[in-house]
C-alpha atoms as a PDB file:
ATOM      1  CA  MET A   1     -51.670  17.038   2.884  1.00  0.00           C
ATOM      2  CA  PRO A   2     -49.018  15.294   0.825  1.00  0.00           C
ATOM      3  CA  LYS A   3     -46.232  13.408   3.028  1.00  0.00           C
ATOM      4  CA  GLN A   4     -42.923  14.976   3.111  1.00  0.00           C
ATOM      5  CA  GLU A   5     -40.363  12.274   1.518  1.00  0.00           C
ATOM      6  CA  SER A   6     -36.776  12.548   2.747  1.00  0.00           C
ATOM      7  CA  GLY A   7     -33.873  12.916   0.888  1.00  0.00           C
ATOM      8  CA  LYS A   8     -33.111  15.352  -2.019  1.00  0.00           C
ATOM      9  CA  SER A   9     -35.346  15.627  -5.098  1.00  0.00           C
ATOM     10  CA  HIS A  10     -35.548  11.793  -5.795  1.00  0.00           C
ATOM     11  CA  SER A  11     -33.829  12.427  -9.219  1.00  0.00           C
ATOM     12  CA  ILE A  12     -32.306   9.194 -11.092  1.00  0.00           C
ATOM     13  CA  ARG A  13     -29.950   8.955 -13.701  1.00  0.00           C
ATOM     14  CA  PRO A  14     -30.930   8.683 -17.101  1.00  0.00           C
ATOM     15  CA  VAL A  15     -32.191   5.363 -18.416  1.00  0.00           C
ATOM     16  CA  SER A  16     -30.317   5.628 -21.597  1.00  0.00           C
ATOM     17  CA  ARG A  17     -26.788   4.463 -21.693  1.00  0.00           C
ATOM     18  CA  ARG A  18     -26.087   6.513 -24.883  1.00  0.00           C
ATOM     19  CA  PRO A  19     -24.791  10.087 -24.518  1.00  0.00           C
ATOM     20  CA  PRO A  20     -27.198  12.775 -24.697  1.00  0.00           C
ATOM     21  CA  SER A  21     -28.131  14.072 -28.090  1.00  0.00           C
ATOM     22  CA  TRP A  22     -27.144  17.797 -26.839  1.00  0.00           C
ATOM     23  CA  CYS A  23     -23.661  16.976 -25.574  1.00  0.00           C
ATOM     24  CA  LYS A  24     -21.127  17.631 -28.321  1.00  0.00           C
ATOM     25  CA  TYR A  25     -17.732  16.377 -26.880  1.00  0.00           C
ATOM     26  CA  GLN A  26     -15.856  13.789 -28.439  1.00  0.00           C
ATOM     27  CA  PRO A  27     -14.440  10.823 -26.132  1.00  0.00           C
ATOM     28  CA  GLU A  28     -10.782  12.247 -26.288  1.00  0.00           C
ATOM     29  CA  GLU A  29     -12.057  15.794 -25.301  1.00  0.00           C
ATOM     30  CA  VAL A  30     -13.796  14.447 -22.054  1.00  0.00           C
ATOM     31  CA  GLU A  31     -10.735  12.244 -21.225  1.00  0.00           C
ATOM     32  CA  ALA A  32      -8.345  15.198 -21.864  1.00  0.00           C
ATOM     33  CA  PHE A  33     -10.608  17.403 -19.555  1.00  0.00           C
ATOM     34  CA  ILE A  34     -10.442  14.889 -16.802  1.00  0.00           C
ATOM     35  CA  ILE A  35      -6.478  14.361 -17.312  1.00  0.00           C
ATOM     36  CA  LYS A  36      -6.298  18.431 -16.937  1.00  0.00           C
ATOM     37  CA  LEU A  37      -8.655  18.758 -13.738  1.00  0.00           C
ATOM     38  CA  ALA A  38      -6.681  15.619 -12.305  1.00  0.00           C
ATOM     39  CA  LYS A  39      -3.226  17.383 -12.801  1.00  0.00           C
ATOM     40  CA  GLU A  40      -4.788  20.453 -11.234  1.00  0.00           C
ATOM     41  CA  GLY A  41      -5.329  18.435  -8.324  1.00  0.00           C
ATOM     42  CA  HIS A  42      -9.198  17.828  -8.290  1.00  0.00           C
ATOM     43  CA  ASN A  43     -10.206  14.554  -6.713  1.00  0.00           C
ATOM     44  CA  MET A  44     -12.738  12.225  -8.713  1.00  0.00           C
ATOM     45  CA  SER A  45     -15.807  13.450  -7.701  1.00  0.00           C
ATOM     46  CA  SER A  46     -14.957  17.184  -7.950  1.00  0.00           C
ATOM     47  CA  ILE A  47     -13.965  16.112 -11.361  1.00  0.00           C
ATOM     48  CA  GLY A  48     -17.229  14.918 -12.161  1.00  0.00           C
ATOM     49  CA  THR A  49     -18.972  18.000 -10.577  1.00  0.00           C
ATOM     50  CA  ILE A  50     -17.028  20.563 -12.614  1.00  0.00           C
ATOM     51  CA  LEU A  51     -17.707  18.304 -15.671  1.00  0.00           C
ATOM     52  CA  ARG A  52     -21.076  18.373 -15.162  1.00  0.00           C
ATOM     53  CA  ASP A  53     -21.704  22.320 -14.129  1.00  0.00           C
ATOM     54  CA  GLN A  54     -18.693  24.012 -15.987  1.00  0.00           C
ATOM     55  CA  TYR A  55     -18.737  21.849 -19.417  1.00  0.00           C
ATOM     56  CA  ALA A  56     -22.166  20.344 -19.658  1.00  0.00           C
ATOM     57  CA  ILE A  57     -21.161  16.665 -19.482  1.00  0.00           C
ATOM     58  CA  PRO A  58     -23.908  14.915 -17.485  1.00  0.00           C
ATOM     59  CA  LEU A  59     -22.253  11.213 -17.284  1.00  0.00           C
ATOM     60  CA  VAL A  60     -18.718  10.502 -18.537  1.00  0.00           C
ATOM     61  CA  LYS A  61     -19.052   6.976 -18.834  1.00  0.00           C
ATOM     62  CA  PRO A  62     -21.721   6.999 -21.643  1.00  0.00           C
ATOM     63  CA  ILE A  63     -19.235   9.265 -23.834  1.00  0.00           C
ATOM     64  CA  THR A  64     -16.003   7.667 -23.228  1.00  0.00           C
ATOM     65  CA  GLY A  65     -16.938   4.087 -22.320  1.00  0.00           C
ATOM     66  CA  LYS A  66     -15.079   4.490 -19.466  1.00  0.00           C
ATOM     67  CA  SER A  67     -15.571   5.804 -16.115  1.00  0.00           C
ATOM     68  CA  ILE A  68     -13.156   8.665 -14.610  1.00  0.00           C
ATOM     69  CA  SER A  69     -11.610   6.305 -12.113  1.00  0.00           C
ATOM     70  CA  ASP A  70     -10.402   3.836 -14.955  1.00  0.00           C
ATOM     71  CA  THR A  71      -9.576   7.107 -17.332  1.00  0.00           C
ATOM     72  CA  LEU A  72      -7.085   8.231 -14.224  1.00  0.00           C
ATOM     73  CA  LYS A  73      -5.940   4.782 -14.060  1.00  0.00           C
ATOM     74  CA  ALA A  74      -4.987   4.543 -17.833  1.00  0.00           C
ATOM     75  CA  ALA A  75      -3.120   8.050 -17.342  1.00  0.00           C
ATOM     76  CA  ASN A  76      -1.285   6.593 -13.911  1.00  0.00           C
ATOM     77  CA  LEU A  77      -2.897   9.622 -12.122  1.00  0.00           C
ATOM     78  CA  THR A  78      -5.149   7.676  -9.473  1.00  0.00           C
ATOM     79  CA  PRO A  79      -4.155   8.692  -5.944  1.00  0.00           C
ATOM     80  CA  ALA A  80      -2.525   6.606  -3.463  1.00  0.00           C
ATOM     81  CA  MET A  81      -5.317   6.297  -0.908  1.00  0.00           C
ATOM     82  CA  PRO A  82      -9.169   5.951  -2.219  1.00  0.00           C
ATOM     83  CA  GLU A  83     -11.177   8.886  -1.871  1.00  0.00           C
ATOM     84  CA  ASP A  84     -13.770   7.639   0.365  1.00  0.00           C
ATOM     85  CA  LEU A  85     -11.196   6.437   2.859  1.00  0.00           C
ATOM     86  CA  ALA A  86      -9.111   9.691   2.781  1.00  0.00           C
ATOM     87  CA  ASN A  87     -12.435  11.304   3.173  1.00  0.00           C
ATOM     88  CA  LEU A  88     -12.946   9.302   6.494  1.00  0.00           C
ATOM     89  CA  MET A  89      -9.759   9.680   7.415  1.00  0.00           C
ATOM     90  CA  LYS A  90      -9.735  13.433   7.246  1.00  0.00           C
ATOM     91  CA  LYS A  91     -12.746  13.782   9.129  1.00  0.00           C
ATOM     92  CA  ALA A  92     -11.670  11.329  11.956  1.00  0.00           C
ATOM     93  CA  GLN A  93      -8.760  13.567  12.150  1.00  0.00           C
ATOM     94  CA  ALA A  94     -10.888  16.701  12.853  1.00  0.00           C
ATOM     95  CA  MET A  95     -13.263  14.930  15.103  1.00  0.00           C
ATOM     96  CA  ALA A  96      -9.870  13.778  17.466  1.00  0.00           C
ATOM     97  CA  VAL A  97      -9.041  17.532  17.690  1.00  0.00           C
ATOM     98  CA  HIS A  98     -12.230  18.276  18.946  1.00  0.00           C
ATOM     99  CA  MET A  99     -12.167  15.550  21.179  1.00  0.00           C
ATOM    100  CA  ASP A 100      -8.849  16.779  22.327  1.00  0.00           C
ATOM    101  CA  LYS A 101     -10.376  20.036  23.229  1.00  0.00           C
ATOM    102  CA  ASN A 102     -14.086  18.826  24.568  1.00  0.00           C
ATOM    103  CA  LYS A 103     -13.017  15.337  26.275  1.00  0.00           C
ATOM    104  CA  LYS A 104     -16.795  15.346  27.763  1.00  0.00           C
ATOM    105  CA  ASP A 105     -18.482  14.958  24.571  1.00  0.00           C
ATOM    106  CA  LEU A 106     -19.996  11.450  24.449  1.00  0.00           C
ATOM    107  CA  HIS A 107     -22.053  11.974  21.909  1.00  0.00           C
ATOM    108  CA  ASN A 108     -18.853  13.048  19.276  1.00  0.00           C
ATOM    109  CA  LYS A 109     -16.836  10.370  21.023  1.00  0.00           C
ATOM    110  CA  ARG A 110     -19.812   7.667  19.764  1.00  0.00           C
ATOM    111  CA  ASN A 111     -19.451   9.281  16.285  1.00  0.00           C
ATOM    112  CA  MET A 112     -15.670   8.829  16.411  1.00  0.00           C
ATOM    113  CA  GLN A 113     -16.054   5.253  16.908  1.00  0.00           C
ATOM    114  CA  ILE A 114     -18.221   4.712  14.011  1.00  0.00           C
ATOM    115  CA  ILE A 115     -16.096   6.743  11.779  1.00  0.00           C
ATOM    116  CA  GLU A 116     -13.030   4.480  13.043  1.00  0.00           C
ATOM    117  CA  ALA A 117     -15.247   1.437  12.328  1.00  0.00           C
ATOM    118  CA  ARG A 118     -16.179   2.442   8.845  1.00  0.00           C
ATOM    119  CA  ILE A 119     -12.096   3.236   8.340  1.00  0.00           C
ATOM    120  CA  HIS A 120     -11.176  -0.318   9.673  1.00  0.00           C
ATOM    121  CA  LYS A 121     -14.048  -1.915   7.386  1.00  0.00           C
ATOM    122  CA  LEU A 122     -12.992   0.065   4.142  1.00  0.00           C
ATOM    123  CA  SER A 123      -9.631  -0.707   4.444  1.00  0.00           C
ATOM    124  CA  ARG A 124     -10.263  -4.245   4.978  1.00  0.00           C
ATOM    125  CA  TYR A 125     -12.228  -4.348   1.776  1.00  0.00           C
ATOM    126  CA  TYR A 126      -9.273  -2.110  -0.116  1.00  0.00           C
ATOM    127  CA  LYS A 127      -6.663  -4.584   1.168  1.00  0.00           C
ATOM    128  CA  ARG A 128      -8.473  -7.581  -0.309  1.00  0.00           C
ATOM    129  CA  GLU A 129      -8.995  -5.841  -3.238  1.00  0.00           C
ATOM    130  CA  GLY A 130      -5.358  -4.993  -3.495  1.00  0.00           C
ATOM    131  CA  VAL A 131      -6.134  -1.469  -4.068  1.00  0.00           C
ATOM    132  CA  LEU A 132      -4.285  -0.628  -0.390  1.00  0.00           C
ATOM    133  CA  ASP A 133      -0.910  -2.107   0.599  1.00  0.00           C
ATOM    134  CA  LYS A 134      -1.206  -5.351   2.976  1.00  0.00           C
ATOM    135  CA  LYS A 135       0.990  -3.445   5.459  1.00  0.00           C
ATOM    136  CA  PHE A 136      -1.421  -0.396   5.647  1.00  0.00           C
ATOM    137  CA  LYS A 137      -2.761   0.046   9.450  1.00  0.00           C
ATOM    138  CA  TYR A 138      -5.019   2.665  10.651  1.00  0.00           C
ATOM    139  CA  GLU A 139      -4.062   3.833  14.139  1.00  0.00           C
ATOM    140  CA  ALA A 140      -7.342   4.575  15.945  1.00  0.00           C
ATOM    141  CA  LYS A 141      -7.362   7.958  17.622  1.00  0.00           C
ATOM    142  CA  ILE A 142     -10.216   7.437  19.936  1.00  0.00           C
ATOM    143  CA  ALA A 143      -7.950   5.054  22.082  1.00  0.00           C
ATOM    144  CA  SER A 144      -5.535   7.721  22.915  1.00  0.00           C
ATOM    145  CA  VAL A 145      -8.486  10.360  23.385  1.00  0.00           C
ATOM    146  CA  THR A 146     -10.080   8.379  26.351  1.00  0.00           C
END
């Protein structure tokens, strides 16, 4: 009986750094798609998914020579807060609403502490790199829940 591996399908990115031969888009077209999707309100990860699923563009960097974030930065369309930090803060907000309703849920109280620790760690990194303002401060929700 073979061992079941954890994870998805163990797919890896292509080895070649050149664009695939079957992808017929020019770099200017791909950048126009990225800018159009960003103006529609999509975040960077969903832009990559839409390009992959609807336009058959597997990876942006081999075609354009720039990543999606670099393309958005050149067009001044970068979000004020990085996507990973915003997602963590949204998750912490939803968890705080749950903790207000269920004060004795100790497992999710621990999860909330872990999420907030990740938020603090990421915010320290982004402050150090200059992405976030030095005055940015995340107010912990777990202190108000207990």
